[in-house]
N, C-alpha and C. Protein backbone atom coordinates (compact mmCIF):
# COMPACT_ATOMS: atom_id res chain seq x y z
N UNK A 1 3.48 38.37 13.19
CA UNK A 1 2.17 38.36 12.76
C UNK A 1 1.02 37.59 13.59
N UNK A 2 1.52 36.63 14.23
CA UNK A 2 0.73 35.73 14.93
C UNK A 2 -0.01 36.35 16.09
N UNK A 3 0.62 37.23 16.66
CA UNK A 3 0.17 37.95 17.99
C UNK A 3 -0.75 39.13 17.66
N UNK A 4 -0.91 39.46 16.37
CA UNK A 4 -1.89 40.61 15.85
C UNK A 4 -3.18 40.16 16.37
N UNK A 5 -3.79 39.02 15.92
CA UNK A 5 -5.14 38.83 16.40
C UNK A 5 -5.48 38.83 17.90
N UNK A 6 -4.56 38.30 18.60
CA UNK A 6 -4.52 38.37 20.16
C UNK A 6 -4.62 39.87 20.76
N UNK A 7 -3.69 40.66 20.26
CA UNK A 7 -3.50 42.07 20.47
C UNK A 7 -4.83 42.76 20.09
N UNK A 8 -5.40 42.57 19.12
CA UNK A 8 -6.63 43.03 18.72
C UNK A 8 -7.88 42.69 19.58
N UNK A 9 -7.92 41.46 19.83
CA UNK A 9 -8.89 40.83 20.77
C UNK A 9 -8.76 41.43 22.30
N UNK A 10 -7.60 41.79 22.67
CA UNK A 10 -7.28 42.29 23.99
C UNK A 10 -7.93 43.77 24.04
N UNK A 11 -7.61 44.45 22.91
CA UNK A 11 -8.13 45.86 22.84
C UNK A 11 -9.64 45.81 22.75
N UNK A 12 -10.23 45.02 22.06
CA UNK A 12 -11.66 45.08 22.03
C UNK A 12 -12.36 44.92 23.39
N UNK A 13 -11.63 43.69 24.00
CA UNK A 13 -12.16 43.27 25.39
C UNK A 13 -11.88 44.21 26.44
N UNK A 14 -10.91 45.05 26.47
CA UNK A 14 -10.50 46.16 27.38
C UNK A 14 -11.53 47.21 27.10
N UNK A 15 -11.68 47.62 25.72
CA UNK A 15 -12.53 48.82 25.46
C UNK A 15 -13.87 48.54 25.87
N UNK A 16 -14.45 47.35 25.81
CA UNK A 16 -15.75 46.93 26.18
C UNK A 16 -15.92 46.78 27.55
N UNK A 17 -15.02 46.58 28.46
CA UNK A 17 -15.03 46.61 29.83
C UNK A 17 -14.95 47.97 30.51
N UNK A 18 -14.42 48.71 29.99
CA UNK A 18 -14.19 50.22 30.64
C UNK A 18 -15.36 50.78 31.12
N UNK A 19 -15.48 51.23 32.14
CA UNK A 19 -16.72 51.98 32.36
C UNK A 19 -16.81 53.42 31.67
N UNK A 20 -17.85 53.69 31.23
CA UNK A 20 -18.07 54.92 30.51
C UNK A 20 -18.37 55.96 31.79
N UNK A 21 -17.57 57.16 31.43
CA UNK A 21 -17.58 58.19 32.45
C UNK A 21 -18.29 59.33 31.62
N UNK A 22 -19.61 59.76 32.17
CA UNK A 22 -20.32 60.86 31.63
C UNK A 22 -20.88 61.59 32.87
N UNK A 23 -21.74 62.51 32.48
CA UNK A 23 -22.47 63.43 33.54
C UNK A 23 -23.26 62.50 34.62
N UNK A 24 -23.89 61.58 34.01
CA UNK A 24 -24.91 60.54 34.91
C UNK A 24 -23.95 59.79 35.85
N UNK A 25 -22.67 59.47 35.33
CA UNK A 25 -21.96 58.42 36.18
C UNK A 25 -21.31 59.45 37.20
N UNK A 26 -21.04 60.66 36.98
CA UNK A 26 -20.43 61.43 37.99
C UNK A 26 -21.40 62.05 38.94
N UNK A 27 -22.80 62.25 38.58
CA UNK A 27 -23.66 62.58 39.52
C UNK A 27 -24.00 61.29 40.37
N UNK A 28 -24.03 60.10 39.90
CA UNK A 28 -24.12 58.88 40.80
C UNK A 28 -23.27 58.78 41.80
N UNK A 29 -21.83 58.84 41.41
CA UNK A 29 -20.89 58.80 42.26
C UNK A 29 -20.80 59.85 43.42
N UNK A 30 -21.19 61.16 43.04
CA UNK A 30 -21.36 62.30 43.73
C UNK A 30 -22.48 62.00 45.00
N UNK A 31 -23.59 61.25 44.62
CA UNK A 31 -24.40 60.97 45.71
C UNK A 31 -23.99 59.91 46.58
N UNK A 32 -23.30 58.79 46.10
CA UNK A 32 -22.86 57.87 46.86
C UNK A 32 -21.59 58.60 47.83
N UNK A 33 -20.85 59.39 47.42
CA UNK A 33 -19.86 60.00 48.26
C UNK A 33 -20.45 60.76 49.27
N UNK A 34 -21.55 61.53 48.94
CA UNK A 34 -22.16 62.45 49.92
C UNK A 34 -22.85 61.54 51.06
N UNK A 35 -23.34 60.45 50.54
CA UNK A 35 -24.09 59.68 51.54
C UNK A 35 -23.18 59.20 52.54
N UNK A 36 -21.92 58.75 52.12
CA UNK A 36 -20.89 58.32 52.99
C UNK A 36 -20.26 59.24 53.87
N UNK A 37 -20.38 60.36 53.65
CA UNK A 37 -19.88 61.56 54.43
C UNK A 37 -20.74 62.34 55.22
N UNK A 38 -21.11 62.02 56.36
CA UNK A 38 -22.13 62.62 57.16
C UNK A 38 -21.44 64.06 57.83
N UNK A 39 -20.19 64.32 57.91
CA UNK A 39 -19.62 65.41 58.40
C UNK A 39 -19.37 66.58 57.52
N UNK A 40 -20.08 66.48 56.15
CA UNK A 40 -19.60 67.47 55.15
C UNK A 40 -20.51 68.67 55.52
N UNK A 41 -20.14 69.93 55.28
CA UNK A 41 -20.73 71.19 55.32
C UNK A 41 -21.84 71.23 54.31
N UNK A 42 -22.92 71.98 54.79
CA UNK A 42 -24.12 72.09 53.73
C UNK A 42 -23.72 72.57 52.21
N UNK A 43 -22.86 73.67 52.27
CA UNK A 43 -22.36 74.31 51.08
C UNK A 43 -21.42 73.47 50.22
N UNK A 44 -20.57 72.61 51.03
CA UNK A 44 -19.83 71.79 50.24
C UNK A 44 -20.69 70.48 49.75
N UNK A 45 -21.51 70.10 50.57
CA UNK A 45 -22.43 69.11 50.14
C UNK A 45 -23.15 69.55 48.62
N UNK A 46 -23.88 70.56 48.88
CA UNK A 46 -24.45 71.26 47.53
C UNK A 46 -23.73 71.28 46.51
N UNK A 47 -22.51 71.70 46.59
CA UNK A 47 -21.44 72.03 45.55
C UNK A 47 -21.31 70.65 44.99
N UNK A 48 -21.01 69.66 45.64
CA UNK A 48 -20.64 68.28 45.05
C UNK A 48 -21.70 67.68 44.38
N UNK A 49 -23.01 67.81 44.78
CA UNK A 49 -24.19 67.33 44.04
C UNK A 49 -24.31 68.13 42.85
N UNK A 50 -24.02 69.31 42.81
CA UNK A 50 -24.20 70.29 41.89
C UNK A 50 -23.07 70.05 40.66
N UNK A 51 -21.98 69.38 41.13
CA UNK A 51 -21.00 69.02 40.09
C UNK A 51 -20.06 70.19 40.12
N UNK A 52 -19.99 71.02 41.14
CA UNK A 52 -19.07 72.42 40.99
C UNK A 52 -17.91 72.11 41.95
N UNK A 53 -16.56 72.18 41.36
CA UNK A 53 -15.22 71.99 42.00
C UNK A 53 -15.18 73.36 42.57
N UNK A 54 -14.70 73.49 43.98
CA UNK A 54 -14.55 74.86 44.38
C UNK A 54 -13.06 74.88 45.02
N UNK A 55 -12.48 76.15 45.13
CA UNK A 55 -11.27 76.26 45.89
C UNK A 55 -11.52 75.88 47.34
N UNK A 56 -10.62 74.93 47.83
CA UNK A 56 -10.37 74.62 49.17
C UNK A 56 -10.85 73.10 49.50
N UNK A 57 -11.44 72.57 48.18
CA UNK A 57 -11.91 70.99 48.41
C UNK A 57 -10.64 70.21 48.43
N UNK A 58 -10.86 69.08 49.22
CA UNK A 58 -9.83 68.09 49.04
C UNK A 58 -9.87 67.41 47.89
N UNK A 59 -8.86 66.71 47.48
CA UNK A 59 -8.95 66.03 46.25
C UNK A 59 -9.99 65.16 46.09
N UNK A 60 -10.24 64.25 47.06
CA UNK A 60 -11.54 63.34 46.90
C UNK A 60 -12.85 64.11 46.84
N UNK A 61 -12.97 65.14 47.43
CA UNK A 61 -14.22 66.07 47.26
C UNK A 61 -14.24 66.49 45.88
N UNK A 62 -13.09 66.97 45.35
CA UNK A 62 -13.18 67.39 43.91
C UNK A 62 -13.48 66.45 42.92
N UNK A 63 -13.01 65.15 43.13
CA UNK A 63 -13.32 63.99 42.16
C UNK A 63 -14.73 63.48 42.43
N UNK A 64 -15.17 63.77 43.65
CA UNK A 64 -16.63 63.47 43.71
C UNK A 64 -17.46 64.53 42.93
N UNK A 65 -16.98 65.75 42.91
CA UNK A 65 -17.88 66.77 42.23
C UNK A 65 -17.68 66.75 40.71
N UNK A 66 -16.53 66.55 40.16
CA UNK A 66 -16.15 66.64 38.88
C UNK A 66 -15.64 65.40 38.23
N UNK A 67 -15.61 64.36 38.79
CA UNK A 67 -15.13 63.06 38.14
C UNK A 67 -13.57 63.08 38.27
N UNK A 68 -13.30 61.96 37.80
CA UNK A 68 -11.66 61.68 37.94
C UNK A 68 -10.83 62.61 37.00
N UNK A 69 -9.72 62.74 37.40
CA UNK A 69 -8.66 63.68 36.49
C UNK A 69 -7.34 63.02 36.23
N UNK A 70 -6.71 63.56 35.64
CA UNK A 70 -5.40 62.85 35.20
C UNK A 70 -4.32 63.70 35.60
């Protein structure tokens, strides 16, 4: 029972530090990704910025467009 307060404290600290993933976060990450990839095709660039995951994207491109996946 002595470890229970420390366990709860750890859960609250972790939950507070976790970055919230929402549409705004994904859009920001897409802009950062596209800015770092100068060799992207225009249609691929537009799809990533629009948040559209399309067939043929590499995994890093799909993450930039739609966020992390499990």
